[in-house]
Amino acid sequence: MTDFGAIDALLAGARQEVPLPSVEVRRGLREGLNLSRAQVAQALGVSPSTVGGWESGRDPGGEVREKYAYFLDGARTWLEAQAEQAAEEVSADDDDASASGDAELEESEAGAAEAEGEAEGESETLAVAQPCVLCGHPARHQVAGFPQHLDPGECGGETATVSEPPAKPAAAPVAPPVKVVPVGRRVQAVSDGPDPIAAAVAGALAEHAGDVDAATAALIKRAIPDAMALLDSTRKGGRYDVVAHPWIPDILRKQTARGADQIWEARPKWARRELPPGAHEVTALDINGAYLSALKTHLPIGQLEHSTGFGHDRRRAGVHLITPPVWDHEAELPNPVGNRDEPGPLWVTEPTLRLLLRLSGPKYGLCEPPEIHESFTSGATENLLEKFRIALKDARDRAIEQDDEVTLEYVKAMYSKFVSTMGESNYNRELYRPDWMHLIRSQAFANLWTKAYKAYGEGLTVVRAMGTDELHVIGDWRSVFPEGRGVSEVKIKDTYTVGEDTDPAATGEHENEHED
């Protein structure tokens, strides 16, 4: 009996594990609440990596499983309630619009009835004949306030001598076309609101009585707060809420008061070691708006979360500890990782990692894939700053077209200072994202490397690549890059000659041989 009693007690105590949703749903519920793994882990009393494991395929057990299921169920309920509320608001807006439309229709019908009643009213005899509104000939009567013939047979008779032609009925108003501008893959209506950049420039010029230098200096001084205000206005209605002051890992913090953090931006500082014999004309090209173009890059939205392993999730972005591959093309192309003397692992940004992965793929086959050891990443999008970028780009384009140097310098200060002060800076307290700063800079370097590779692929000789915006080439560069001041164009920074002409006819050596 004792054995059977123990079995009964065991069966009575047994219970089925609480079911959990799929891995994709778990992560989607957490991200739908804009919560990091660290926040969920703290509430459940586990580590962030444990929560990451649950979102990657592992299942919790015991009491923590029940807590995790309770959290997921609550998250689902909250998100569904928000969705229902949003749907009700849309429905209410539609009902209001319908009611408003019905009211307008009733008002229109009432107005038409009133006009019809006036038309059927009694006519008045005019003391002096006036032009008929139908034929322009003299009419002795007025109906509903308009001179006209009562007898249709009289309409079109003897021509009247009048000082003014008959009034034409007013034409129905024609709705203007909707002007649109490209935004990513879509288009959107051009805003009818005031242009904050143009308004700021006009105000500065007015304040300084048209003094261009003084107005430009004042605008550059206020570039950072103005850029943040522009960012806020372009983020209204955005799909994602940006975390402006997230927790930052130690690798993104300065190691000393005046030192740097541990992130390697892959800044190129490369020069070709050898050129073929002879004299070569080199053109130094200036890449326009390098940082402005780099605002379009994969940026992490929320707080960075730690992970380990060799995989790369293209839906996320951040910084990665990698062992870079060997680069065997230093004689012709700069290393995508930049000039680095020390071997071994280093922390790189998302643009650098993606560039290396692309170059190691079958399309290029220029190197082996980098080895990823660990990462700090968050869910990401490439279009986080796209509206902000387009607003600055459009203002820059207009300034160039109108030869407006004040606006041009102001816009340049806005995007360059925006990038440089979002890290550990006393000048910008509204946004603390050193990870964004490194990613945008690295994207500018990656863009320069891509242009160098394009020049190389089109038969130009790449001589030097420096910083974000300087590329030296030999050859017909105008067949490869459009010339101009736009962000998709390049302009000449310098031209110079390298080497000497070794042709004997040019040096006189051939002539000397005959004399000997």
Protein backbone atom coordinates (compact mmCIF):
# COMPACT_ATOMS: atom_id res chain seq x y z
CA MET A 1 0.00 0.00 0.00
CA THR A 2 2.89 2.28 0.72
CA ASP A 3 4.21 2.00 -2.84
CA PHE A 4 0.81 2.71 -4.30
CA GLY A 5 0.38 5.67 -1.98
CA ALA A 6 3.70 7.13 -3.09
CA ILE A 7 2.71 6.71 -6.71
CA ASP A 8 -0.63 8.41 -6.07
CA ALA A 9 1.15 11.29 -4.37
CA LEU A 10 3.58 11.56 -7.29
CA LEU A 11 0.73 11.65 -9.80
CA ALA A 12 -1.16 14.19 -7.75
CA GLY A 13 1.89 16.45 -7.62
CA ALA A 14 2.66 16.12 -11.30
CA ARG A 15 1.55 18.99 -13.48
CA GLN A 16 1.89 19.86 -17.11
CA GLU A 17 4.47 22.51 -17.97
CA VAL A 18 3.10 25.90 -18.91
CA PRO A 19 3.13 26.22 -22.73
CA LEU A 20 5.34 28.89 -24.27
CA PRO A 21 4.94 30.61 -27.65
CA SER A 22 7.45 30.13 -30.46
CA VAL A 23 10.91 31.72 -30.37
CA GLU A 24 9.95 34.42 -32.90
CA VAL A 25 6.86 35.37 -30.88
CA ARG A 26 8.82 35.61 -27.62
CA ARG A 27 11.27 38.10 -29.06
CA GLY A 28 8.55 39.98 -30.92
CA LEU A 29 6.53 40.47 -27.72
CA ARG A 30 9.55 41.82 -25.87
CA GLU A 31 10.56 44.18 -28.68
CA GLY A 32 6.92 45.24 -29.10
CA LEU A 33 7.12 46.63 -25.57
CA ASN A 34 10.48 48.32 -26.34
CA LEU A 35 12.12 46.30 -23.57
CA SER A 36 15.71 45.09 -23.59
CA ARG A 37 16.76 41.60 -22.61
CA ALA A 38 18.47 43.10 -19.57
CA GLN A 39 15.19 44.63 -18.36
CA VAL A 40 13.30 41.35 -18.73
CA ALA A 41 16.16 39.43 -17.12
CA GLN A 42 16.18 41.73 -14.10
CA ALA A 43 12.44 41.25 -13.56
CA LEU A 44 12.73 37.45 -13.79
CA GLY A 45 15.92 37.17 -11.76
CA VAL A 46 18.08 35.72 -14.54
CA SER A 47 20.91 36.99 -16.78
CA PRO A 48 20.36 38.76 -20.14
CA SER A 49 22.16 35.91 -21.91
CA THR A 50 19.59 33.49 -20.41
CA VAL A 51 16.76 35.53 -21.91
CA GLY A 52 18.68 35.54 -25.19
CA GLY A 53 18.87 31.76 -25.01
CA TRP A 54 15.11 31.53 -24.52
CA GLU A 55 14.67 33.68 -27.65
CA SER A 56 17.06 31.44 -29.57
CA GLY A 57 15.47 28.06 -28.93
CA ARG A 58 16.12 27.03 -25.33
CA ASP A 59 13.19 26.66 -22.93
CA PRO A 60 13.21 27.53 -19.22
CA GLY A 61 11.96 25.10 -16.65
CA GLY A 62 10.42 25.08 -13.19
CA GLU A 63 9.22 28.24 -11.49
CA VAL A 64 11.08 30.60 -13.82
CA ARG A 65 9.21 29.07 -16.75
CA GLU A 66 5.92 30.05 -15.13
CA LYS A 67 7.22 33.60 -14.56
CA TYR A 68 8.39 33.88 -18.16
CA ALA A 69 5.04 32.55 -19.46
CA TYR A 70 3.24 35.07 -17.24
CA PHE A 71 5.35 37.90 -18.67
CA LEU A 72 4.74 36.81 -22.28
CA ASP A 73 1.00 36.44 -21.70
CA GLY A 74 0.85 39.88 -20.13
CA ALA A 75 2.86 41.38 -22.97
CA ARG A 76 0.52 39.84 -25.53
CA THR A 77 -2.54 41.16 -23.67
CA TRP A 78 -1.09 44.66 -23.43
CA LEU A 79 -0.12 44.81 -27.12
CA GLU A 80 -3.52 43.50 -28.20
CA ALA A 81 -5.22 46.15 -26.06
CA GLN A 82 -3.09 48.85 -27.67
CA ALA A 83 -3.94 47.54 -31.13
CA GLU A 84 -7.66 47.52 -30.32
CA GLN A 85 -7.46 51.06 -28.95
CA ALA A 86 -5.70 52.24 -32.10
CA ALA A 87 -8.33 50.53 -34.26
CA GLU A 88 -11.13 52.20 -32.26
CA GLU A 89 -9.48 55.60 -32.71
CA VAL A 90 -9.24 55.04 -36.47
CA SER A 91 -12.89 53.94 -36.55
CA ALA A 92 -13.91 57.00 -34.56
CA ASP A 93 -11.99 59.25 -36.95
CA ASP A 94 -13.73 57.57 -39.89
CA ASP A 95 -17.15 58.10 -38.22
CA ASP A 96 -16.36 61.77 -37.59
CA ALA A 97 -15.23 62.18 -41.18
CA SER A 98 -18.43 60.50 -42.40
CA ALA A 99 -20.60 62.70 -40.18
CA SER A 100 -18.73 65.77 -41.35
CA GLY A 101 -19.22 64.70 -44.94
CA ASP A 102 -22.96 64.18 -44.39
CA ALA A 103 -23.24 67.62 -42.81
CA GLU A 104 -21.42 69.21 -45.73
CA LEU A 105 -23.69 67.38 -48.16
CA GLU A 106 -26.83 68.59 -46.32
CA GLU A 107 -25.48 72.13 -46.28
CA SER A 108 -24.73 71.92 -50.01
CA GLU A 109 -28.21 70.61 -50.77
CA ALA A 110 -29.77 73.35 -48.65
CA GLY A 111 -27.78 75.99 -50.50
CA ALA A 112 -28.86 74.58 -53.84
CA ALA A 113 -32.49 74.59 -52.78
CA GLU A 114 -32.18 78.18 -51.64
CA ALA A 115 -30.63 79.21 -54.96
CA GLU A 116 -33.35 77.39 -56.83
CA GLY A 117 -36.00 79.20 -54.79
CA GLU A 118 -34.44 82.53 -55.66
CA ALA A 119 -34.40 81.64 -59.35
CA GLU A 120 -38.12 80.91 -59.26
CA GLY A 121 -38.93 84.21 -57.53
CA GLU A 122 -40.69 87.17 -59.13
CA SER A 123 -38.83 89.29 -61.71
CA GLU A 124 -38.11 93.00 -61.36
CA THR A 125 -38.40 95.70 -64.04
CA LEU A 126 -35.20 97.64 -64.59
CA ALA A 127 -35.33 101.42 -65.05
CA VAL A 128 -32.35 101.25 -67.43
CA ALA A 129 -31.68 98.30 -69.73
CA GLN A 130 -28.65 96.20 -68.78
CA PRO A 131 -26.80 93.45 -70.69
CA CYS A 132 -28.47 90.06 -70.46
CA VAL A 133 -26.30 87.53 -68.66
CA LEU A 134 -27.20 84.97 -71.33
CA CYS A 135 -26.77 86.85 -74.62
CA GLY A 136 -25.33 90.26 -73.72
CA HIS A 137 -28.13 92.16 -75.43
CA PRO A 138 -30.24 94.83 -73.62
CA ALA A 139 -32.69 93.34 -71.11
CA ARG A 140 -35.44 95.20 -69.21
CA HIS A 141 -35.96 92.65 -66.44
CA GLN A 142 -33.94 91.17 -63.64
CA VAL A 143 -34.44 87.69 -62.18
CA ALA A 144 -32.69 86.56 -58.98
CA GLY A 145 -30.47 89.62 -59.26
CA PHE A 146 -29.32 88.96 -62.86
CA PRO A 147 -30.49 90.98 -65.91
CA GLN A 148 -32.05 88.68 -68.52
CA HIS A 149 -34.84 88.34 -71.09
CA LEU A 150 -38.12 86.88 -69.84
CA ASP A 151 -39.09 85.82 -73.38
CA PRO A 152 -36.63 83.30 -74.85
CA GLY A 153 -37.45 84.70 -78.31
CA GLU A 154 -35.97 88.06 -77.36
CA CYS A 155 -32.70 86.56 -76.19
CA GLY A 156 -30.05 87.15 -78.86
CA GLY A 157 -31.74 90.15 -80.50
CA GLU A 158 -30.37 93.64 -81.09
CA THR A 159 -26.83 94.15 -79.81
CA ALA A 160 -26.56 96.35 -76.76
CA THR A 161 -24.14 99.17 -76.40
CA VAL A 162 -22.62 98.64 -72.97
CA SER A 163 -19.47 99.70 -71.29
CA GLU A 164 -18.49 96.26 -69.95
CA PRO A 165 -18.79 92.73 -71.36
CA PRO A 166 -21.20 90.31 -69.72
CA ALA A 167 -19.89 88.65 -66.61
CA LYS A 168 -18.72 85.08 -67.03
CA PRO A 169 -19.83 82.49 -64.50
CA ALA A 170 -17.07 81.68 -62.02
CA ALA A 171 -15.13 78.52 -62.88
CA ALA A 172 -15.11 75.71 -60.35
CA PRO A 173 -11.90 75.67 -58.28
CA VAL A 174 -9.36 73.10 -59.43
CA ALA A 175 -7.50 71.23 -56.70
CA PRO A 176 -3.72 71.64 -57.02
CA PRO A 177 -1.63 68.52 -57.65
CA VAL A 178 0.02 66.82 -54.69
CA LYS A 179 3.77 67.38 -54.82
CA VAL A 180 5.83 64.46 -53.59
CA VAL A 181 9.47 63.75 -52.73
CA PRO A 182 11.28 60.40 -52.52
CA VAL A 183 11.77 58.94 -49.03
CA GLY A 184 13.54 55.58 -49.20
CA ARG A 185 11.60 53.26 -51.47
CA ARG A 186 8.42 55.35 -51.09
CA VAL A 187 7.33 58.90 -51.78
CA GLN A 188 5.59 61.28 -49.41
CA ALA A 189 3.76 64.57 -49.80
CA VAL A 190 5.90 67.69 -49.56
CA SER A 191 5.30 69.38 -46.23
CA ASP A 192 3.42 72.68 -46.36
CA GLY A 193 4.89 73.71 -43.01
CA PRO A 194 7.63 76.30 -42.62
CA ASP A 195 11.16 75.29 -43.50
CA PRO A 196 13.12 75.56 -40.22
CA ILE A 197 16.49 75.81 -41.99
CA ALA A 198 15.36 78.60 -44.32
CA ALA A 199 13.64 80.39 -41.42
CA ALA A 200 16.79 80.21 -39.28
CA VAL A 201 18.95 81.62 -42.07
CA ALA A 202 16.51 84.44 -42.81
CA GLY A 203 16.29 85.30 -39.11
CA ALA A 204 20.08 85.37 -38.68
CA LEU A 205 20.55 87.61 -41.72
CA ALA A 206 17.85 89.97 -40.48
CA GLU A 207 19.33 90.06 -36.98
CA HIS A 208 22.78 90.95 -38.31
CA ALA A 209 21.53 93.46 -40.91
CA GLY A 210 22.57 91.30 -43.86
CA ASP A 211 26.14 90.75 -42.64
CA VAL A 212 26.88 87.35 -44.20
CA ASP A 213 29.91 86.54 -42.05
CA ALA A 214 28.20 87.47 -38.78
CA ALA A 215 25.04 85.54 -39.71
CA THR A 216 27.06 82.47 -40.68
CA ALA A 217 29.01 82.55 -37.41
CA ALA A 218 25.78 82.83 -35.41
CA LEU A 219 24.17 79.93 -37.28
CA ILE A 220 27.21 77.68 -36.79
CA LYS A 221 27.15 78.48 -33.07
CA ARG A 222 23.54 77.24 -32.79
CA ALA A 223 24.00 74.29 -35.17
CA ILE A 224 23.82 71.57 -32.49
CA PRO A 225 20.49 72.54 -30.84
CA ASP A 226 19.03 73.31 -34.27
CA ALA A 227 20.07 69.89 -35.54
CA MET A 228 18.45 68.21 -32.53
CA ALA A 229 15.24 70.19 -33.07
CA LEU A 230 15.24 69.14 -36.73
CA LEU A 231 15.80 65.52 -35.70
CA ASP A 232 12.83 65.68 -33.32
CA SER A 233 10.56 67.15 -35.99
CA THR A 234 11.56 64.51 -38.55
CA ARG A 235 11.02 61.70 -36.01
CA LYS A 236 7.38 62.65 -35.37
CA GLY A 237 5.18 59.76 -36.39
CA GLY A 238 8.22 57.52 -36.74
CA ARG A 239 7.82 53.79 -36.41
CA TYR A 240 10.47 53.43 -33.69
CA ASP A 241 11.05 55.21 -30.39
CA VAL A 242 14.73 56.08 -30.15
CA VAL A 243 16.49 55.41 -26.84
CA ALA A 244 18.48 58.63 -26.43
CA HIS A 245 20.43 57.75 -23.24
CA PRO A 246 20.83 53.96 -23.06
CA TRP A 247 23.15 51.90 -20.93
CA ILE A 248 26.54 51.77 -22.67
CA PRO A 249 29.08 48.94 -22.29
CA ASP A 250 32.57 49.79 -21.05
CA ILE A 251 34.14 49.25 -24.48
CA LEU A 252 32.26 52.38 -25.64
CA ARG A 253 33.47 54.51 -22.74
CA LYS A 254 36.72 56.50 -22.77
CA GLN A 255 39.51 54.65 -21.04
CA THR A 256 41.01 57.90 -19.71
CA ALA A 257 39.78 61.48 -19.40
CA ARG A 258 41.34 62.48 -22.72
CA GLY A 259 41.71 59.04 -24.19
CA ALA A 260 39.57 57.02 -26.54
CA ASP A 261 37.28 54.04 -26.16
CA GLN A 262 38.01 50.59 -27.62
CA ILE A 263 36.12 50.93 -30.92
CA TRP A 264 38.14 50.81 -34.15
CA GLU A 265 36.50 52.93 -36.87
CA ALA A 266 38.62 51.63 -39.79
CA ARG A 267 39.67 55.12 -40.88
CA PRO A 268 41.73 54.73 -44.09
CA LYS A 269 45.14 56.37 -44.38
CA TRP A 270 46.57 54.48 -47.32
CA ALA A 271 48.99 55.32 -50.12
CA ARG A 272 50.09 53.10 -52.99
CA ARG A 273 53.70 52.00 -52.60
CA GLU A 274 54.70 51.72 -56.26
CA LEU A 275 53.64 53.09 -59.64
CA PRO A 276 54.74 52.03 -63.11
CA PRO A 277 57.79 53.89 -64.50
CA GLY A 278 57.18 57.33 -65.97
CA ALA A 279 55.33 60.51 -65.08
CA HIS A 280 51.73 60.21 -63.88
CA GLU A 281 49.13 62.94 -63.46
CA VAL A 282 47.21 62.36 -60.22
CA THR A 283 43.82 63.90 -59.43
CA ALA A 284 42.82 64.28 -55.79
CA LEU A 285 39.03 63.97 -55.67
CA ASP A 286 36.89 65.45 -52.92
CA ILE A 287 33.88 63.29 -51.91
CA ASN A 288 31.00 65.67 -51.16
CA GLY A 289 28.90 65.40 -48.00
CA ALA A 290 30.60 62.26 -46.71
CA TYR A 291 29.05 62.37 -43.24
CA LEU A 292 25.69 63.43 -44.67
CA SER A 293 25.57 60.34 -46.89
CA ALA A 294 26.75 58.17 -43.97
CA LEU A 295 23.63 59.04 -41.96
CA LYS A 296 22.02 56.27 -43.98
CA THR A 297 23.44 53.28 -42.14
CA HIS A 298 22.16 50.45 -39.93
CA LEU A 299 21.76 52.01 -36.48
CA PRO A 300 20.73 50.17 -33.30
CA ILE A 301 17.42 51.51 -32.00
CA GLY A 302 17.47 50.45 -28.37
CA GLN A 303 19.96 49.47 -25.72
CA LEU A 304 22.88 47.29 -26.80
CA GLU A 305 22.74 43.67 -25.66
CA HIS A 306 25.68 41.29 -25.33
CA SER A 307 25.97 38.05 -27.30
CA THR A 308 28.69 35.58 -28.24
CA GLY A 309 29.24 33.39 -31.27
CA PHE A 310 30.19 33.50 -34.92
CA GLY A 311 26.80 34.29 -36.43
CA HIS A 312 25.71 37.68 -37.73
CA ASP A 313 22.06 38.80 -37.57
CA ARG A 314 21.41 41.35 -40.33
CA ARG A 315 18.33 42.59 -38.48
CA ARG A 316 20.55 43.90 -35.69
CA ALA A 317 23.46 46.34 -35.53
CA GLY A 318 26.14 47.43 -33.10
CA VAL A 319 29.80 46.72 -32.41
CA HIS A 320 31.63 43.40 -32.75
CA LEU A 321 34.86 41.87 -31.50
CA ILE A 322 36.40 40.19 -34.54
CA THR A 323 39.65 38.77 -35.82
CA PRO A 324 39.92 40.47 -39.22
CA PRO A 325 40.95 38.43 -42.26
CA VAL A 326 44.30 38.69 -43.97
CA TRP A 327 44.30 41.35 -46.70
CA ASP A 328 46.43 40.45 -49.71
CA HIS A 329 45.63 43.47 -51.92
CA GLU A 330 47.53 46.22 -50.11
CA ALA A 331 49.53 47.00 -53.28
CA GLU A 332 46.40 48.09 -55.17
CA LEU A 333 43.62 48.73 -52.63
CA PRO A 334 43.45 49.94 -49.02
CA ASN A 335 42.63 47.44 -46.28
CA PRO A 336 38.91 47.75 -45.37
CA VAL A 337 39.93 47.65 -41.71
CA GLY A 338 42.25 50.63 -42.19
CA ASN A 339 45.87 50.98 -41.14
CA ARG A 340 46.47 48.81 -38.08
CA ASP A 341 49.87 47.77 -36.82
CA GLU A 342 48.83 45.39 -34.05
CA PRO A 343 47.51 41.95 -35.05
CA GLY A 344 44.73 40.09 -33.28
CA PRO A 345 41.09 40.77 -32.38
CA LEU A 346 39.62 44.28 -32.30
CA TRP A 347 36.23 45.89 -31.79
CA VAL A 348 34.75 47.12 -35.08
CA THR A 349 31.43 48.68 -36.03
CA GLU A 350 28.54 47.32 -38.06
CA PRO A 351 29.55 49.03 -41.36
CA THR A 352 33.07 47.58 -41.16
CA LEU A 353 31.79 44.09 -40.38
CA ARG A 354 29.22 44.18 -43.19
CA LEU A 355 31.86 45.41 -45.64
CA LEU A 356 34.19 42.54 -44.70
CA LEU A 357 31.39 39.99 -44.96
CA ARG A 358 30.47 41.35 -48.39
CA LEU A 359 34.05 41.26 -49.63
CA SER A 360 34.45 37.68 -48.41
CA GLY A 361 31.36 36.57 -50.32
CA PRO A 362 31.27 34.90 -53.74
CA LYS A 363 30.70 38.18 -55.62
CA TYR A 364 34.07 39.64 -54.59
CA GLY A 365 36.10 36.83 -53.03
CA LEU A 366 38.78 39.26 -51.85
CA CYS A 367 39.32 37.80 -48.37
CA GLU A 368 38.21 35.20 -45.88
CA PRO A 369 35.23 35.96 -43.60
CA PRO A 370 36.09 37.71 -40.34
CA GLU A 371 35.88 35.65 -37.18
CA ILE A 372 33.23 37.06 -34.81
CA HIS A 373 33.87 36.46 -31.09
CA GLU A 374 31.24 38.59 -29.33
CA SER A 375 28.92 41.50 -30.03
CA PHE A 376 26.88 44.29 -28.46
CA THR A 377 23.85 44.83 -30.70
CA SER A 378 20.21 45.90 -30.79
CA GLY A 379 17.38 45.70 -33.29
CA ALA A 380 18.27 48.09 -36.11
CA THR A 381 17.05 49.92 -39.19
CA GLU A 382 18.89 51.66 -42.02
CA ASN A 383 16.29 54.44 -42.25
CA LEU A 384 16.31 55.69 -38.67
CA LEU A 385 17.76 59.09 -39.70
CA GLU A 386 16.51 59.09 -43.29
CA LYS A 387 14.01 61.97 -43.00
CA PHE A 388 16.61 63.96 -41.09
CA ARG A 389 19.18 63.25 -43.81
CA ILE A 390 16.82 64.18 -46.63
CA ALA A 391 15.86 67.48 -44.97
CA LEU A 392 19.54 68.43 -44.71
CA LYS A 393 20.33 67.17 -48.22
CA ASP A 394 17.45 69.14 -49.78
CA ALA A 395 18.55 72.31 -47.99
CA ARG A 396 22.12 71.72 -49.17
CA ASP A 397 20.98 71.17 -52.77
CA ARG A 398 18.93 74.38 -52.75
CA ALA A 399 21.83 76.33 -51.26
CA ILE A 400 24.17 75.14 -54.02
CA GLU A 401 21.60 75.93 -56.73
CA GLN A 402 21.06 79.45 -55.34
CA ASP A 403 24.75 80.05 -54.54
CA ASP A 404 23.76 80.49 -50.89
CA GLU A 405 26.97 80.00 -48.91
CA VAL A 406 25.32 80.93 -45.60
CA THR A 407 22.87 78.04 -45.74
CA LEU A 408 25.56 75.73 -47.08
CA GLU A 409 27.89 76.36 -44.12
CA TYR A 410 24.98 76.15 -41.67
CA VAL A 411 23.81 72.77 -42.99
CA LYS A 412 27.36 71.40 -43.01
CA ALA A 413 27.79 72.44 -39.38
CA MET A 414 24.48 70.82 -38.46
CA TYR A 415 25.29 67.33 -39.71
CA SER A 416 29.00 67.33 -38.87
CA LYS A 417 28.46 68.58 -35.30
CA PHE A 418 25.50 66.24 -34.88
CA VAL A 419 27.79 63.28 -35.57
CA SER A 420 30.74 64.51 -33.53
CA THR A 421 28.82 65.48 -30.37
CA MET A 422 26.51 62.49 -29.87
CA GLY A 423 29.25 60.69 -27.96
CA GLU A 424 30.76 61.85 -24.67
CA SER A 425 30.37 65.58 -25.30
CA ASN A 426 29.39 68.53 -23.11
CA TYR A 427 27.84 70.27 -26.11
CA ASN A 428 24.98 67.84 -26.70
CA ARG A 429 23.07 66.61 -23.66
CA GLU A 430 19.97 65.56 -25.61
CA LEU A 431 21.52 62.49 -27.26
CA TYR A 432 24.15 60.14 -25.85
CA ARG A 433 24.84 57.48 -28.47
CA PRO A 434 28.60 56.92 -28.88
CA ASP A 435 27.70 53.74 -30.75
CA TRP A 436 25.88 55.82 -33.39
CA MET A 437 28.83 58.20 -33.65
CA HIS A 438 31.23 55.34 -34.38
CA LEU A 439 28.84 53.65 -36.81
CA ILE A 440 28.20 56.81 -38.86
CA ARG A 441 31.90 57.60 -39.08
CA SER A 442 32.71 54.04 -40.07
CA GLN A 443 29.99 54.15 -42.72
CA ALA A 444 31.69 57.21 -44.22
CA PHE A 445 34.99 55.28 -44.30
CA ALA A 446 33.28 52.24 -45.84
CA ASN A 447 31.69 54.50 -48.49
CA LEU A 448 35.13 55.88 -49.38
CA TRP A 449 36.53 52.35 -49.66
CA THR A 450 33.64 51.41 -51.96
CA LYS A 451 34.45 54.38 -54.23
CA ALA A 452 38.10 53.31 -54.29
CA TYR A 453 37.06 49.82 -55.34
CA LYS A 454 34.75 51.24 -58.02
CA ALA A 455 37.62 53.32 -59.41
CA TYR A 456 39.87 50.25 -59.39
CA GLY A 457 37.22 48.14 -61.11
CA GLU A 458 36.76 50.75 -63.85
CA GLY A 459 40.45 50.74 -64.72
CA LEU A 460 41.67 53.73 -62.73
CA THR A 461 44.84 53.49 -60.65
CA VAL A 462 44.06 54.22 -57.02
CA VAL A 463 46.96 56.15 -55.49
CA ARG A 464 45.69 57.28 -52.10
CA ALA A 465 42.64 57.13 -49.80
CA MET A 466 42.42 59.34 -46.71
CA GLY A 467 39.78 60.01 -44.06
CA THR A 468 36.20 60.20 -45.27
CA ASP A 469 36.41 62.32 -48.39
CA GLU A 470 39.76 62.17 -50.22
CA LEU A 471 40.55 59.78 -53.06
CA HIS A 472 43.59 60.15 -55.39
CA VAL A 473 43.42 58.43 -58.78
CA ILE A 474 45.21 58.23 -62.12
CA GLY A 475 43.12 57.99 -65.28
CA ASP A 476 39.89 59.28 -66.78
CA TRP A 477 37.95 59.64 -63.53
CA ARG A 478 35.11 61.59 -65.18
CA SER A 479 34.04 58.39 -66.95
CA VAL A 480 33.57 56.81 -63.51
CA PHE A 481 32.34 59.60 -61.20
CA PRO A 482 30.02 62.51 -62.03
CA GLU A 483 31.58 65.91 -61.37
CA GLY A 484 29.76 68.49 -59.27
CA ARG A 485 28.91 69.57 -55.73
CA GLY A 486 26.02 67.18 -55.06
CA VAL A 487 26.33 64.39 -52.50
CA SER A 488 26.45 61.81 -55.29
CA GLU A 489 29.14 63.75 -57.16
CA VAL A 490 32.85 64.54 -56.69
CA LYS A 491 34.96 67.62 -57.29
CA ILE A 492 38.66 68.21 -57.86
CA LYS A 493 40.65 69.03 -54.74
CA ASP A 494 44.10 69.02 -56.34
CA THR A 495 46.10 67.79 -59.33
CA TYR A 496 49.80 66.94 -59.30
CA THR A 497 52.41 64.86 -61.14
CA VAL A 498 54.29 61.87 -59.73
CA GLY A 499 57.43 60.40 -61.33
CA GLU A 500 59.53 61.52 -64.28
CA ASP A 501 59.29 60.92 -67.99
CA THR A 502 61.87 58.23 -68.93
CA ASP A 503 61.44 58.54 -72.69
CA PRO A 504 65.00 58.97 -74.16
CA ALA A 505 63.68 61.38 -76.81
CA ALA A 506 62.30 63.60 -74.06
CA THR A 507 65.54 63.64 -72.04
CA GLY A 508 67.98 63.96 -74.91
CA GLU A 509 69.71 60.63 -74.15
CA HIS A 510 68.95 59.25 -77.64
CA GLU A 511 70.68 62.24 -79.25
CA ASN A 512 73.76 61.84 -77.06
CA GLU A 513 74.13 58.18 -78.06
CA HIS A 514 74.50 59.19 -81.73
CA GLU A 515 77.12 61.80 -80.87
CA ASP A 516 79.22 59.19 -79.09
